[in-house]
Structure formats: structure tokens, C-alpha cells
Amino acid sequence: MGDLYSDLGEYERAQGHYKKGINICKTTRFWPSWINMWEISSARVKVLNLNKNINLDMVYQHYKNNKLKFCDGRNARHIGEILLNFGGSQISQAEDWIKKAIEADKSNGTMFSLGQDYYLYAVLFRRKGDRSEAKENLSKAINIFKECSADGWVEKYEKELVEL
């Protein structure tokens, strides 16, 4: 639910769902890698909600503590998005994390997540003022979402592509 509300821009609700998941897992001492994933996601929605008061060292530690390969790309992408939204000198680090996400999702075959990686990469290039690279990466995202039959995402991002 946290991801759904995050995608809708309802960051407070997303935050609440991530915290519930974290608390349940901590209480039951079950799925420590899910706790790490949700802690990273929680930090991401804080930043998206314009709260930059997060501990990046802890975010990196949660990434290192993950034992679930299929979460590697998602976690790296979320760290990239955190850094991208910090702006300034963090943009080059954000790009490194997005590239790490792309490689992990290619390796793990997590295609929907790979589409999200390419979309974020397009956002990065748009912020850098490189429309050509933004279009290329947005097109890659759209093609992957088509393969995944994620029609809503295809429609949304095709509109963005036209606007570029």
C-alpha cells in the first residue's frame, strides 16, 4: 500500500503504511530485508514530501543489509531518487545509483522495476537539461511497461514523452 500511495503522491499515507509494515516485521522478527526495503522507501517518501531530514548513512546501511536480490534494483532506485531530490552535487551520485538499479533489475529479471528505473533515469536527464537522453530513457521505460502489460503506466508516460 505504501508504494501505491507514493505513486499517487499521497506521501503521508504511504509513510504510514511503510511504518506499519516495519513495525509488524520488527514485532514478529520476520523478514529483516523487508524492513530494510521499507526503511529506504520510507526515507524516499519523506524526501518526496519535502522533508530532507533523513540519515543517508542509515539509508546506505539498509541497502547493505538487504539479502533479497529482487529488492536490489528497487532499493538502489529509491536511493537514487532520494539523492536526485536533494539536488545540487548529489545528482552525479543519484545517477550512479540509478545505473546500479538498472543493472540489478536487468540481472534479476525484474522488468517492471526496470521500467521504473528507466523512467527515473529520464527524470534525471530532464533535470540536467538533456532532452535527447530523457526521451531515449522514457521510450525504454514505455517499451518495458508495454511488455509488462502495464497499460496505465504506458499511457501516462506516452503523454510525458509527447510533452518532451
Protein backbone atom coordinates (compact mmCIF):
# COMPACT_ATOMS: atom_id res chain seq x y z
CA MET A 1 0.00 0.00 0.00
CA GLY A 2 2.92 2.33 0.69
CA ASP A 3 4.02 2.10 -2.93
CA LEU A 4 0.52 2.72 -4.21
CA TYR A 5 0.05 5.84 -2.11
CA SER A 6 3.53 7.03 -3.01
CA ASP A 7 2.71 6.72 -6.72
CA LEU A 8 -0.45 8.75 -6.09
CA GLY A 9 1.57 11.47 -4.35
CA GLU A 10 -0.08 10.74 -1.00
CA TYR A 11 3.19 10.64 0.89
CA GLU A 12 1.80 10.81 4.44
CA ARG A 13 -0.43 7.79 3.80
CA ALA A 14 2.48 5.97 2.14
CA GLN A 15 4.65 6.75 5.16
CA GLY A 16 2.02 5.30 7.48
CA HIS A 17 1.85 2.03 5.55
CA TYR A 18 5.62 1.64 5.42
CA LYS A 19 5.80 2.22 9.19
CA LYS A 20 3.05 -0.36 9.82
CA GLY A 21 4.93 -2.93 7.76
CA ILE A 22 8.19 -2.17 9.54
CA ASN A 23 6.53 -2.46 12.97
CA ILE A 24 4.86 -5.76 12.13
CA CYS A 25 8.13 -7.24 10.88
CA LYS A 26 10.05 -5.97 13.89
CA THR A 27 7.46 -7.31 16.31
CA THR A 28 7.48 -10.76 14.71
CA ARG A 29 11.23 -10.67 13.99
CA PHE A 30 10.35 -11.75 10.49
CA TRP A 31 11.72 -10.63 7.13
CA PRO A 32 14.59 -8.29 8.08
CA SER A 33 15.26 -7.49 4.41
CA TRP A 34 11.69 -6.25 4.05
CA ILE A 35 12.35 -3.92 6.97
CA ASN A 36 15.43 -2.59 5.14
CA MET A 37 13.44 -2.12 1.93
CA TRP A 38 10.62 -0.29 3.69
CA GLU A 39 13.05 1.91 5.64
CA ILE A 40 14.58 3.02 2.32
CA SER A 41 11.10 3.56 0.85
CA SER A 42 10.09 5.50 3.94
CA ALA A 43 13.11 7.80 3.59
CA ARG A 44 12.21 8.27 -0.08
CA VAL A 45 8.65 9.42 0.64
CA LYS A 46 9.93 11.78 3.32
CA VAL A 47 12.16 13.45 0.73
CA LEU A 48 9.37 13.48 -1.87
CA ASN A 49 7.24 15.19 0.78
CA LEU A 50 9.97 17.87 1.02
CA ASN A 51 11.42 16.61 4.32
CA LYS A 52 15.15 16.28 3.74
CA ASN A 53 15.84 15.47 7.37
CA ILE A 54 16.92 11.88 6.82
CA ASN A 55 20.05 10.00 7.78
CA LEU A 56 21.69 8.97 4.49
CA ASP A 57 24.20 6.77 6.31
CA MET A 58 21.31 4.73 7.72
CA VAL A 59 19.73 4.53 4.26
CA TYR A 60 23.00 3.18 2.84
CA GLN A 61 23.23 0.71 5.75
CA HIS A 62 19.73 -0.58 4.99
CA TYR A 63 20.84 -1.11 1.38
CA LYS A 64 23.91 -3.06 2.51
CA ASN A 65 21.85 -5.21 4.89
CA ASN A 66 19.42 -6.38 2.19
CA LYS A 67 19.65 -10.11 1.47
CA LEU A 68 16.87 -10.31 -1.14
CA LYS A 69 18.31 -9.93 -4.65
CA PHE A 70 14.99 -8.97 -6.21
CA CYS A 71 14.94 -5.87 -3.96
CA ASP A 72 18.38 -4.62 -5.06
CA GLY A 73 17.14 -2.61 -8.02
CA ARG A 74 14.19 -1.09 -6.20
CA ASN A 75 16.35 -0.12 -3.23
CA ALA A 76 19.06 1.40 -5.45
CA ARG A 77 16.42 3.31 -7.46
CA HIS A 78 14.87 4.71 -4.29
CA ILE A 79 18.28 5.86 -3.06
CA GLY A 80 18.87 7.44 -6.46
CA GLU A 81 15.55 9.23 -6.21
CA ILE A 82 16.38 10.47 -2.70
CA LEU A 83 19.68 11.90 -3.94
CA LEU A 84 18.09 13.34 -7.08
CA ASN A 85 15.60 15.23 -4.95
CA PHE A 86 18.39 16.56 -2.74
CA GLY A 87 19.71 18.21 -5.92
CA GLY A 88 22.99 20.04 -6.30
CA SER A 89 26.11 17.95 -6.03
CA GLN A 90 24.05 14.83 -5.28
CA ILE A 91 22.93 14.49 -8.91
CA SER A 92 26.04 12.58 -10.01
CA GLN A 93 25.62 10.21 -7.07
CA ALA A 94 21.96 9.83 -7.97
CA GLU A 95 22.95 8.83 -11.48
CA ASP A 96 25.34 6.18 -10.11
CA TRP A 97 22.54 4.69 -8.00
CA ILE A 98 20.10 4.70 -10.91
CA LYS A 99 22.66 2.88 -13.07
CA LYS A 100 23.12 0.38 -10.23
CA ALA A 101 19.34 -0.11 -10.15
CA ILE A 102 19.20 -0.71 -13.90
CA GLU A 103 21.98 -3.31 -13.73
CA ALA A 104 20.39 -5.10 -10.76
CA ASP A 105 16.94 -5.23 -12.34
CA LYS A 106 18.36 -6.45 -15.66
CA SER A 107 20.31 -9.14 -13.83
CA ASN A 108 17.35 -10.19 -11.68
CA GLY A 109 14.78 -10.02 -14.49
CA THR A 110 12.55 -7.67 -12.51
CA MET A 111 11.13 -5.98 -15.57
CA PHE A 112 8.50 -3.69 -14.03
CA SER A 113 11.15 -2.35 -11.68
CA LEU A 114 13.48 -1.91 -14.66
CA GLY A 115 10.85 0.22 -16.36
CA GLN A 116 10.67 2.38 -13.25
CA ASP A 117 14.48 2.68 -13.30
CA TYR A 118 14.48 3.96 -16.87
CA TYR A 119 11.71 6.41 -16.03
CA LEU A 120 13.75 7.82 -13.14
CA TYR A 121 16.78 8.00 -15.43
CA ALA A 122 14.67 10.06 -17.85
CA VAL A 123 13.72 12.38 -14.98
CA LEU A 124 17.40 12.82 -14.15
CA PHE A 125 18.26 13.76 -17.73
CA ARG A 126 15.31 16.14 -17.90
CA ARG A 127 16.64 17.93 -14.81
CA LYS A 128 20.08 18.09 -16.40
CA GLY A 129 18.52 19.67 -19.49
CA ASP A 130 19.37 16.75 -21.79
CA ARG A 131 16.07 16.24 -23.64
CA SER A 132 17.52 13.67 -26.04
CA GLU A 133 18.65 11.30 -23.27
CA ALA A 134 15.42 11.95 -21.37
CA LYS A 135 13.37 10.91 -24.41
CA GLU A 136 15.53 7.84 -25.02
CA ASN A 137 15.17 6.59 -21.45
CA LEU A 138 11.47 7.42 -21.29
CA SER A 139 10.99 5.41 -24.50
CA LYS A 140 12.83 2.47 -22.92
CA ALA A 141 10.55 2.69 -19.88
CA ILE A 142 7.45 2.76 -22.09
CA ASN A 143 8.57 -0.28 -24.08
CA ILE A 144 9.23 -2.25 -20.89
CA PHE A 145 5.85 -1.28 -19.45
CA LYS A 146 4.23 -2.43 -22.72
CA GLU A 147 5.94 -5.82 -22.32
CA CYS A 148 4.60 -5.97 -18.76
CA SER A 149 1.08 -5.05 -19.94
CA ALA A 150 1.18 -2.07 -17.57
CA ASP A 151 -1.17 -0.07 -19.77
CA GLY A 152 -1.80 2.72 -17.27
CA TRP A 153 1.93 3.42 -16.98
CA VAL A 154 2.31 3.28 -20.76
CA GLU A 155 -0.45 5.84 -21.24
CA LYS A 156 0.91 8.13 -18.52
CA TYR A 157 4.46 8.09 -19.84
CA GLU A 158 3.47 8.37 -23.51
CA LYS A 159 1.81 11.68 -22.59
CA GLU A 160 5.05 12.80 -20.92
CA LEU A 161 7.03 11.76 -23.99
CA VAL A 162 4.85 13.93 -26.21
CA GLU A 163 5.41 16.88 -23.87
CA LEU A 164 9.19 16.45 -24.13
